[in-house]
Amino acid sequence: MRPVECFIENQHILYDADALSETDTGIFDPGILQARGLLTGSAPGRGTTWFFVHHDQPLVLRHYRRGGLAAGLLHDRYVWTGLARTRAWREFHLLAHILNTGLPVPQPVAVRVLRAGPYYRADLITRRIMFTASLAAALTTRGLDVTRWRTLGITLRKFHDAGIYHADLNAHNILLGKDNSLYVADFDKGELREPAARWQQENLARLHRSLKKLKSAGPDFYFGEADWISLLDAYHNTAST
C-alpha cells in the first residue's frame, strides 16, 4: 500500500496509489458514477452504500452520516478539529494498519474530506469483498455449524489481542464468505487500544445483544445460545499471540 495525499479545491483526498493510478474526484459522487455507467448496486443503512466498478476493481462507496439525535440537526456534517482527526482519515489508517497485521478487513482505497467552515463531510471507498453476506443476513436462511462459530470466536480474539477496538460490533458488520472466510467491516470510530478485559468483553456483549435482538424480531433467525457458547469457548481458549 502506498498512501498518497492531495488537495483539490476544498477536497482533502487520501488514496492508495497501488489501487488507483490517478485522483478522480468523480468516484466519490454516486450521480457521476451512475452517469458513467459504473454503478452496480446499493445497500441501505444509516446512509446508502454504493457498489461500483472502477478500472475493473469492484469497490464500495460509503458517505459518512450521523446517527442518533445529532442526525436530525447535522445530518452528514461533523465538527472540524483537524484533518488527522476526521473520521474518514482515521478509518483509512486504521484499516491499513489492520491489514498489515494480517487480519481480515476490507482494503481501504480512498477517502475524501470536504471542509466547509467549521464543519466537514466525508466519504470512504474500500475494495468490495465479493460473494459475502453479513452474519445477520446469513442467519435468516440457515444456521451456522459449530466450526463456523468457533472460527468467529478465534478471529475476534485475534482482533482483541492486537488491541483493535470496533465501536459497533454487530451481526451486520461481520461478513461471511462462501469459502468459510469471514471479515469484520465498518471501523468508523474504531481505534487501537491497550488490550484490556473490560472493553473486550463489552465488544463481545454488543455482538451478543445484536444477535439476540435479531432473534427476538422473528422466528426465522437461526441463532441459539449454544452457538454463542461455541463462539465464547473458542474465544477464551485461543492462545494470545
C-alpha atoms as a PDB file:
ATOM      1  CA  MET A   1       0.000   0.000   0.000  1.00  0.00           C
ATOM      2  CA  ARG A   2       1.260   3.473  -0.955  1.00  0.00           C
ATOM      3  CA  PRO A   3      -0.891   6.194   0.672  1.00  0.00           C
ATOM      4  CA  VAL A   4      -0.837   9.494  -1.221  1.00  0.00           C
ATOM      5  CA  GLU A   5      -2.417  12.743  -0.048  1.00  0.00           C
ATOM      6  CA  CYS A   6      -3.591  15.573  -2.286  1.00  0.00           C
ATOM      7  CA  PHE A   7      -5.720  18.699  -2.019  1.00  0.00           C
ATOM      8  CA  ILE A   8      -8.135  19.711  -4.793  1.00  0.00           C
ATOM      9  CA  GLU A   9     -10.133  22.895  -4.158  1.00  0.00           C
ATOM     10  CA  ASN A  10     -11.773  22.199  -0.771  1.00  0.00           C
ATOM     11  CA  GLN A  11     -11.279  18.441  -1.003  1.00  0.00           C
ATOM     12  CA  HIS A  12      -8.659  16.606   1.028  1.00  0.00           C
ATOM     13  CA  ILE A  13      -8.074  13.218  -0.598  1.00  0.00           C
ATOM     14  CA  LEU A  14      -6.065  10.247   0.606  1.00  0.00           C
ATOM     15  CA  TYR A  15      -5.721   7.232  -1.674  1.00  0.00           C
ATOM     16  CA  ASP A  16      -3.720   4.076  -2.167  1.00  0.00           C
ATOM     17  CA  ALA A  17      -1.529   4.595  -5.236  1.00  0.00           C
ATOM     18  CA  ASP A  18      -1.241   0.824  -5.617  1.00  0.00           C
ATOM     19  CA  ALA A  19      -5.019   0.661  -6.174  1.00  0.00           C
ATOM     20  CA  LEU A  20      -5.634   3.966  -8.009  1.00  0.00           C
ATOM     21  CA  SER A  21      -3.274   5.354 -10.622  1.00  0.00           C
ATOM     22  CA  GLU A  22      -4.784   8.840 -10.507  1.00  0.00           C
ATOM     23  CA  THR A  23      -7.026  11.064  -8.420  1.00  0.00           C
ATOM     24  CA  ASP A  24     -10.566  11.219  -9.787  1.00  0.00           C
ATOM     25  CA  THR A  25     -12.993  13.085  -7.532  1.00  0.00           C
ATOM     26  CA  GLY A  26     -15.895  11.705  -9.572  1.00  0.00           C
ATOM     27  CA  ILE A  27     -15.590   8.324  -7.889  1.00  0.00           C
ATOM     28  CA  PHE A  28     -16.912   9.900  -4.681  1.00  0.00           C
ATOM     29  CA  ASP A  29     -20.146  11.059  -6.348  1.00  0.00           C
ATOM     30  CA  PRO A  30     -22.917   8.468  -6.934  1.00  0.00           C
ATOM     31  CA  GLY A  31     -24.517  10.711  -9.566  1.00  0.00           C
ATOM     32  CA  ILE A  32     -21.323  10.856 -11.616  1.00  0.00           C
ATOM     33  CA  LEU A  33     -20.758   7.127 -11.190  1.00  0.00           C
ATOM     34  CA  GLN A  34     -24.278   6.450 -12.441  1.00  0.00           C
ATOM     35  CA  ALA A  35     -23.792   8.751 -15.438  1.00  0.00           C
ATOM     36  CA  ARG A  36     -20.625   6.841 -16.309  1.00  0.00           C
ATOM     37  CA  GLY A  37     -22.440   3.530 -16.059  1.00  0.00           C
ATOM     38  CA  LEU A  38     -20.186   2.330 -13.240  1.00  0.00           C
ATOM     39  CA  LEU A  39     -22.757   1.701 -10.506  1.00  0.00           C
ATOM     40  CA  THR A  40     -23.573  -1.962  -9.932  1.00  0.00           C
ATOM     41  CA  GLY A  41     -25.856  -1.770  -6.889  1.00  0.00           C
ATOM     42  CA  SER A  42     -26.515  -0.272  -3.486  1.00  0.00           C
ATOM     43  CA  ALA A  43     -27.408  -1.265   0.056  1.00  0.00           C
ATOM     44  CA  PRO A  44     -29.473   0.665   2.622  1.00  0.00           C
ATOM     45  CA  GLY A  45     -28.239   1.512   6.095  1.00  0.00           C
ATOM     46  CA  ARG A  46     -27.710   4.709   8.059  1.00  0.00           C
ATOM     47  CA  GLY A  47     -26.911   6.079   4.594  1.00  0.00           C
ATOM     48  CA  THR A  48     -26.850   4.354   1.236  1.00  0.00           C
ATOM     49  CA  THR A  49     -23.762   2.319   0.418  1.00  0.00           C
ATOM     50  CA  TRP A  50     -22.943   2.256  -3.284  1.00  0.00           C
ATOM     51  CA  PHE A  51     -21.255  -0.541  -5.212  1.00  0.00           C
ATOM     52  CA  PHE A  52     -19.340   0.316  -8.390  1.00  0.00           C
ATOM     53  CA  VAL A  53     -16.535  -0.816 -10.660  1.00  0.00           C
ATOM     54  CA  HIS A  54     -13.511   1.362 -11.426  1.00  0.00           C
ATOM     55  CA  HIS A  55     -10.774   0.089 -13.748  1.00  0.00           C
ATOM     56  CA  ASP A  56     -12.096  -3.465 -13.295  1.00  0.00           C
ATOM     57  CA  GLN A  57     -11.950  -3.177  -9.483  1.00  0.00           C
ATOM     58  CA  PRO A  58     -15.163  -3.835  -7.505  1.00  0.00           C
ATOM     59  CA  LEU A  59     -15.401  -1.029  -4.947  1.00  0.00           C
ATOM     60  CA  VAL A  60     -17.712   0.256  -2.220  1.00  0.00           C
ATOM     61  CA  LEU A  61     -18.508   3.937  -1.591  1.00  0.00           C
ATOM     62  CA  ARG A  62     -19.829   4.966   1.806  1.00  0.00           C
ATOM     63  CA  HIS A  63     -20.808   8.507   2.768  1.00  0.00           C
ATOM     64  CA  TYR A  64     -20.437   9.261   6.465  1.00  0.00           C
ATOM     65  CA  ARG A  65     -23.742  10.109   8.128  1.00  0.00           C
ATOM     66  CA  ARG A  66     -24.577  10.793  11.721  1.00  0.00           C
ATOM     67  CA  GLY A  67     -26.771   8.579  13.842  1.00  0.00           C
ATOM     68  CA  GLY A  68     -28.775   9.282  16.983  1.00  0.00           C
ATOM     69  CA  LEU A  69     -30.059  12.690  17.997  1.00  0.00           C
ATOM     70  CA  ALA A  70     -27.328  14.584  16.145  1.00  0.00           C
ATOM     71  CA  ALA A  71     -28.560  13.204  12.827  1.00  0.00           C
ATOM     72  CA  GLY A  72     -31.618  15.442  12.902  1.00  0.00           C
ATOM     73  CA  LEU A  73     -29.509  18.577  13.184  1.00  0.00           C
ATOM     74  CA  LEU A  74     -26.226  17.913  11.415  1.00  0.00           C
ATOM     75  CA  HIS A  75     -27.149  15.053   9.049  1.00  0.00           C
ATOM     76  CA  ASP A  76     -23.752  14.337   7.430  1.00  0.00           C
ATOM     77  CA  ARG A  77     -21.738  17.221   8.912  1.00  0.00           C
ATOM     78  CA  TYR A  78     -19.037  16.845  11.567  1.00  0.00           C
ATOM     79  CA  VAL A  79     -17.132  19.462  13.520  1.00  0.00           C
ATOM     80  CA  TRP A  80     -13.695  20.158  12.065  1.00  0.00           C
ATOM     81  CA  THR A  81     -10.870  19.640  14.598  1.00  0.00           C
ATOM     82  CA  GLY A  82      -8.076  18.881  12.127  1.00  0.00           C
ATOM     83  CA  LEU A  83      -7.648  16.581   9.155  1.00  0.00           C
ATOM     84  CA  ALA A  84      -5.937  13.786  11.065  1.00  0.00           C
ATOM     85  CA  ARG A  85      -8.895  13.639  13.466  1.00  0.00           C
ATOM     86  CA  THR A  86     -11.615  13.320  10.838  1.00  0.00           C
ATOM     87  CA  ARG A  87     -13.470  10.028  10.920  1.00  0.00           C
ATOM     88  CA  ALA A  88     -12.566   9.153   7.342  1.00  0.00           C
ATOM     89  CA  TRP A  89      -8.823   9.786   7.768  1.00  0.00           C
ATOM     90  CA  ARG A  90      -8.742   7.742  10.956  1.00  0.00           C
ATOM     91  CA  GLU A  91     -10.694   4.831   9.490  1.00  0.00           C
ATOM     92  CA  PHE A  92      -8.462   4.661   6.404  1.00  0.00           C
ATOM     93  CA  HIS A  93      -5.308   4.472   8.516  1.00  0.00           C
ATOM     94  CA  LEU A  94      -6.839   2.013  10.967  1.00  0.00           C
ATOM     95  CA  LEU A  95      -7.896  -0.345   8.161  1.00  0.00           C
ATOM     96  CA  ALA A  96      -4.419  -0.099   6.637  1.00  0.00           C
ATOM     97  CA  HIS A  97      -2.879  -0.980   9.998  1.00  0.00           C
ATOM     98  CA  ILE A  98      -5.206  -3.938  10.496  1.00  0.00           C
ATOM     99  CA  LEU A  99      -4.409  -5.284   7.032  1.00  0.00           C
ATOM    100  CA  ASN A 100      -0.720  -5.102   7.861  1.00  0.00           C
ATOM    101  CA  THR A 101      -1.357  -7.362  10.861  1.00  0.00           C
ATOM    102  CA  GLY A 102      -2.906  -9.931   8.535  1.00  0.00           C
ATOM    103  CA  LEU A 103      -6.418  -9.685   9.976  1.00  0.00           C
ATOM    104  CA  PRO A 104      -9.450  -9.809   7.652  1.00  0.00           C
ATOM    105  CA  VAL A 105     -10.948  -6.381   6.898  1.00  0.00           C
ATOM    106  CA  PRO A 106     -11.896  -4.558   3.686  1.00  0.00           C
ATOM    107  CA  GLN A 107      -8.956  -2.888   1.956  1.00  0.00           C
ATOM    108  CA  PRO A 108      -9.123   0.927   2.090  1.00  0.00           C
ATOM    109  CA  VAL A 109      -8.760   2.519  -1.341  1.00  0.00           C
ATOM    110  CA  ALA A 110      -9.507   6.229  -0.891  1.00  0.00           C
ATOM    111  CA  VAL A 111     -11.117   8.821   1.358  1.00  0.00           C
ATOM    112  CA  ARG A 112     -12.322  12.343   0.726  1.00  0.00           C
ATOM    113  CA  VAL A 113     -12.884  15.069   3.298  1.00  0.00           C
ATOM    114  CA  LEU A 114     -14.678  18.264   2.233  1.00  0.00           C
ATOM    115  CA  ARG A 115     -14.264  21.144   4.638  1.00  0.00           C
ATOM    116  CA  ALA A 116     -16.781  23.985   4.788  1.00  0.00           C
ATOM    117  CA  GLY A 117     -16.090  26.460   7.593  1.00  0.00           C
ATOM    118  CA  PRO A 118     -16.279  24.753  10.995  1.00  0.00           C
ATOM    119  CA  TYR A 119     -17.683  21.522   9.535  1.00  0.00           C
ATOM    120  CA  TYR A 120     -16.693  18.757   7.160  1.00  0.00           C
ATOM    121  CA  ARG A 121     -18.296  15.933   5.200  1.00  0.00           C
ATOM    122  CA  ALA A 122     -16.535  12.725   4.241  1.00  0.00           C
ATOM    123  CA  ASP A 123     -16.579   9.610   2.076  1.00  0.00           C
ATOM    124  CA  LEU A 124     -14.715   6.311   2.180  1.00  0.00           C
ATOM    125  CA  ILE A 125     -14.022   3.882  -0.657  1.00  0.00           C
ATOM    126  CA  THR A 126     -12.969   0.314   0.075  1.00  0.00           C
ATOM    127  CA  ARG A 127     -12.406  -2.721  -2.099  1.00  0.00           C
ATOM    128  CA  ARG A 128     -15.574  -4.783  -2.260  1.00  0.00           C
ATOM    129  CA  ILE A 129     -15.290  -8.285  -0.851  1.00  0.00           C
ATOM    130  CA  MET A 130     -17.279 -10.314  -3.335  1.00  0.00           C
ATOM    131  CA  PHE A 131     -19.577 -13.260  -2.620  1.00  0.00           C
ATOM    132  CA  THR A 132     -20.133 -12.449   1.042  1.00  0.00           C
ATOM    133  CA  ALA A 133     -23.224 -11.998   3.197  1.00  0.00           C
ATOM    134  CA  SER A 134     -23.484 -10.383   6.589  1.00  0.00           C
ATOM    135  CA  LEU A 135     -23.823 -12.666   9.580  1.00  0.00           C
ATOM    136  CA  ALA A 136     -27.272 -11.124  10.109  1.00  0.00           C
ATOM    137  CA  ALA A 137     -28.378 -11.996   6.572  1.00  0.00           C
ATOM    138  CA  ALA A 138     -26.853 -15.487   6.617  1.00  0.00           C
ATOM    139  CA  LEU A 139     -28.717 -16.436   9.793  1.00  0.00           C
ATOM    140  CA  THR A 140     -32.088 -15.637   8.219  1.00  0.00           C
ATOM    141  CA  THR A 141     -31.721 -18.617   5.870  1.00  0.00           C
ATOM    142  CA  ARG A 142     -29.809 -21.227   7.863  1.00  0.00           C
ATOM    143  CA  GLY A 143     -27.813 -21.839  10.993  1.00  0.00           C
ATOM    144  CA  LEU A 144     -24.025 -21.964  11.115  1.00  0.00           C
ATOM    145  CA  ASP A 145     -22.186 -25.091  12.153  1.00  0.00           C
ATOM    146  CA  VAL A 146     -20.061 -25.215  15.300  1.00  0.00           C
ATOM    147  CA  THR A 147     -16.841 -24.826  13.305  1.00  0.00           C
ATOM    148  CA  ARG A 148     -18.031 -21.519  11.846  1.00  0.00           C
ATOM    149  CA  TRP A 149     -18.979 -20.136  15.262  1.00  0.00           C
ATOM    150  CA  ARG A 150     -15.636 -21.229  16.665  1.00  0.00           C
ATOM    151  CA  THR A 151     -13.805 -19.601  13.763  1.00  0.00           C
ATOM    152  CA  LEU A 152     -15.613 -16.358  14.535  1.00  0.00           C
ATOM    153  CA  GLY A 153     -14.626 -16.592  18.195  1.00  0.00           C
ATOM    154  CA  ILE A 154     -10.973 -17.216  17.306  1.00  0.00           C
ATOM    155  CA  THR A 155     -10.948 -14.316  14.838  1.00  0.00           C
ATOM    156  CA  LEU A 156     -12.452 -11.862  17.324  1.00  0.00           C
ATOM    157  CA  ARG A 157      -9.863 -12.925  19.889  1.00  0.00           C
ATOM    158  CA  LYS A 158      -7.092 -12.126  17.404  1.00  0.00           C
ATOM    159  CA  PHE A 159      -8.531  -8.648  16.825  1.00  0.00           C
ATOM    160  CA  HIS A 160      -8.692  -8.054  20.567  1.00  0.00           C
ATOM    161  CA  ASP A 161      -5.192  -9.364  21.219  1.00  0.00           C
ATOM    162  CA  ALA A 162      -3.962  -6.892  18.602  1.00  0.00           C
ATOM    163  CA  GLY A 163      -5.677  -4.066  20.510  1.00  0.00           C
ATOM    164  CA  ILE A 164      -8.214  -3.399  17.749  1.00  0.00           C
ATOM    165  CA  TYR A 165     -11.422  -1.887  19.082  1.00  0.00           C
ATOM    166  CA  HIS A 166     -14.583  -1.939  16.957  1.00  0.00           C
ATOM    167  CA  ALA A 167     -17.033   0.746  18.064  1.00  0.00           C
ATOM    168  CA  ASP A 168     -20.143  -1.047  16.780  1.00  0.00           C
ATOM    169  CA  LEU A 169     -19.507  -4.775  16.586  1.00  0.00           C
ATOM    170  CA  ASN A 170     -22.785  -6.318  15.479  1.00  0.00           C
ATOM    171  CA  ALA A 171     -24.153  -9.036  13.205  1.00  0.00           C
ATOM    172  CA  HIS A 172     -24.363  -6.644  10.255  1.00  0.00           C
ATOM    173  CA  ASN A 173     -20.634  -5.819  10.361  1.00  0.00           C
ATOM    174  CA  ILE A 174     -19.381  -9.393  10.140  1.00  0.00           C
ATOM    175  CA  LEU A 175     -19.192 -10.735   6.586  1.00  0.00           C
ATOM    176  CA  LEU A 176     -19.175 -14.433   5.749  1.00  0.00           C
ATOM    177  CA  GLY A 177     -17.658 -15.790   2.550  1.00  0.00           C
ATOM    178  CA  LYS A 178     -18.639 -18.946   0.688  1.00  0.00           C
ATOM    179  CA  ASP A 179     -15.204 -20.465   1.333  1.00  0.00           C
ATOM    180  CA  ASN A 180     -15.678 -20.266   5.132  1.00  0.00           C
ATOM    181  CA  SER A 181     -13.765 -16.980   5.215  1.00  0.00           C
ATOM    182  CA  LEU A 182     -15.006 -14.098   7.341  1.00  0.00           C
ATOM    183  CA  TYR A 183     -14.295 -10.398   7.598  1.00  0.00           C
ATOM    184  CA  VAL A 184     -15.016  -7.610  10.062  1.00  0.00           C
ATOM    185  CA  ALA A 185     -16.188  -4.371   8.432  1.00  0.00           C
ATOM    186  CA  ASP A 186     -17.165  -0.759   9.256  1.00  0.00           C
ATOM    187  CA  PHE A 187     -14.469   0.568  11.573  1.00  0.00           C
ATOM    188  CA  ASP A 188     -15.918   4.078  11.841  1.00  0.00           C
ATOM    189  CA  LYS A 189     -14.903   5.360  15.309  1.00  0.00           C
ATOM    190  CA  GLY A 190     -12.731   2.270  15.814  1.00  0.00           C
ATOM    191  CA  GLU A 191      -9.294   2.682  17.331  1.00  0.00           C
ATOM    192  CA  LEU A 192      -6.216   0.973  18.695  1.00  0.00           C
ATOM    193  CA  ARG A 193      -6.312   0.337  22.436  1.00  0.00           C
ATOM    194  CA  GLU A 194      -4.226  -1.405  25.007  1.00  0.00           C
ATOM    195  CA  PRO A 195      -5.760  -4.888  25.321  1.00  0.00           C
ATOM    196  CA  ALA A 196      -7.982  -4.973  28.400  1.00  0.00           C
ATOM    197  CA  ALA A 197     -10.707  -7.330  29.534  1.00  0.00           C
ATOM    198  CA  ARG A 198     -13.286  -4.571  30.111  1.00  0.00           C
ATOM    199  CA  TRP A 199     -13.584  -3.179  26.596  1.00  0.00           C
ATOM    200  CA  GLN A 200     -13.056  -6.588  25.025  1.00  0.00           C
ATOM    201  CA  GLN A 201     -15.973  -8.062  26.959  1.00  0.00           C
ATOM    202  CA  GLU A 202     -18.096  -5.010  26.131  1.00  0.00           C
ATOM    203  CA  ASN A 203     -17.321  -5.640  22.453  1.00  0.00           C
ATOM    204  CA  LEU A 204     -18.497  -9.235  22.725  1.00  0.00           C
ATOM    205  CA  ALA A 205     -21.584  -8.225  24.700  1.00  0.00           C
ATOM    206  CA  ARG A 206     -22.542  -5.765  21.956  1.00  0.00           C
ATOM    207  CA  LEU A 207     -22.390  -8.523  19.354  1.00  0.00           C
ATOM    208  CA  HIS A 208     -24.408 -10.831  21.618  1.00  0.00           C
ATOM    209  CA  ARG A 209     -27.120  -8.185  22.072  1.00  0.00           C
ATOM    210  CA  SER A 210     -27.261  -7.698  18.317  1.00  0.00           C
ATOM    211  CA  LEU A 211     -27.826 -11.413  17.727  1.00  0.00           C
ATOM    212  CA  LYS A 212     -30.464 -11.674  20.453  1.00  0.00           C
ATOM    213  CA  LYS A 213     -32.288  -8.615  19.108  1.00  0.00           C
ATOM    214  CA  LEU A 214     -32.444 -10.135  15.624  1.00  0.00           C
ATOM    215  CA  LYS A 215     -33.610 -13.430  17.131  1.00  0.00           C
ATOM    216  CA  SER A 216     -36.424 -11.718  19.028  1.00  0.00           C
ATOM    217  CA  ALA A 217     -37.640  -9.950  15.877  1.00  0.00           C
ATOM    218  CA  GLY A 218     -38.974 -13.133  14.311  1.00  0.00           C
ATOM    219  CA  PRO A 219     -38.796 -16.915  14.263  1.00  0.00           C
ATOM    220  CA  ASP A 220     -36.780 -17.156  11.047  1.00  0.00           C
ATOM    221  CA  PHE A 221     -33.422 -16.346  12.574  1.00  0.00           C
ATOM    222  CA  TYR A 222     -31.205 -19.341  13.191  1.00  0.00           C
ATOM    223  CA  PHE A 223     -29.285 -18.430  16.324  1.00  0.00           C
ATOM    224  CA  GLY A 224     -29.308 -20.036  19.747  1.00  0.00           C
ATOM    225  CA  GLU A 225     -27.339 -19.745  22.958  1.00  0.00           C
ATOM    226  CA  ALA A 226     -25.459 -22.946  22.122  1.00  0.00           C
ATOM    227  CA  ASP A 227     -23.987 -21.062  19.165  1.00  0.00           C
ATOM    228  CA  TRP A 228     -22.834 -18.250  21.431  1.00  0.00           C
ATOM    229  CA  ILE A 229     -21.270 -20.719  23.853  1.00  0.00           C
ATOM    230  CA  SER A 230     -19.280 -22.227  20.965  1.00  0.00           C
ATOM    231  CA  LEU A 231     -18.036 -18.759  19.999  1.00  0.00           C
ATOM    232  CA  LEU A 232     -17.057 -17.901  23.583  1.00  0.00           C
ATOM    233  CA  ASP A 233     -15.337 -21.230  24.146  1.00  0.00           C
ATOM    234  CA  ALA A 234     -13.121 -20.684  21.097  1.00  0.00           C
ATOM    235  CA  TYR A 235     -12.526 -17.042  22.062  1.00  0.00           C
ATOM    236  CA  HIS A 236     -11.386 -17.842  25.579  1.00  0.00           C
ATOM    237  CA  ASN A 237      -9.333 -20.891  24.613  1.00  0.00           C
ATOM    238  CA  THR A 238      -7.361 -19.229  21.841  1.00  0.00           C
ATOM    239  CA  ALA A 239      -3.795 -18.522  22.875  1.00  0.00           C
ATOM    240  CA  SER A 240      -2.798 -14.869  22.821  1.00  0.00           C
ATOM    241  CA  THR A 241      -0.356 -14.034  20.016  1.00  0.00           C
END
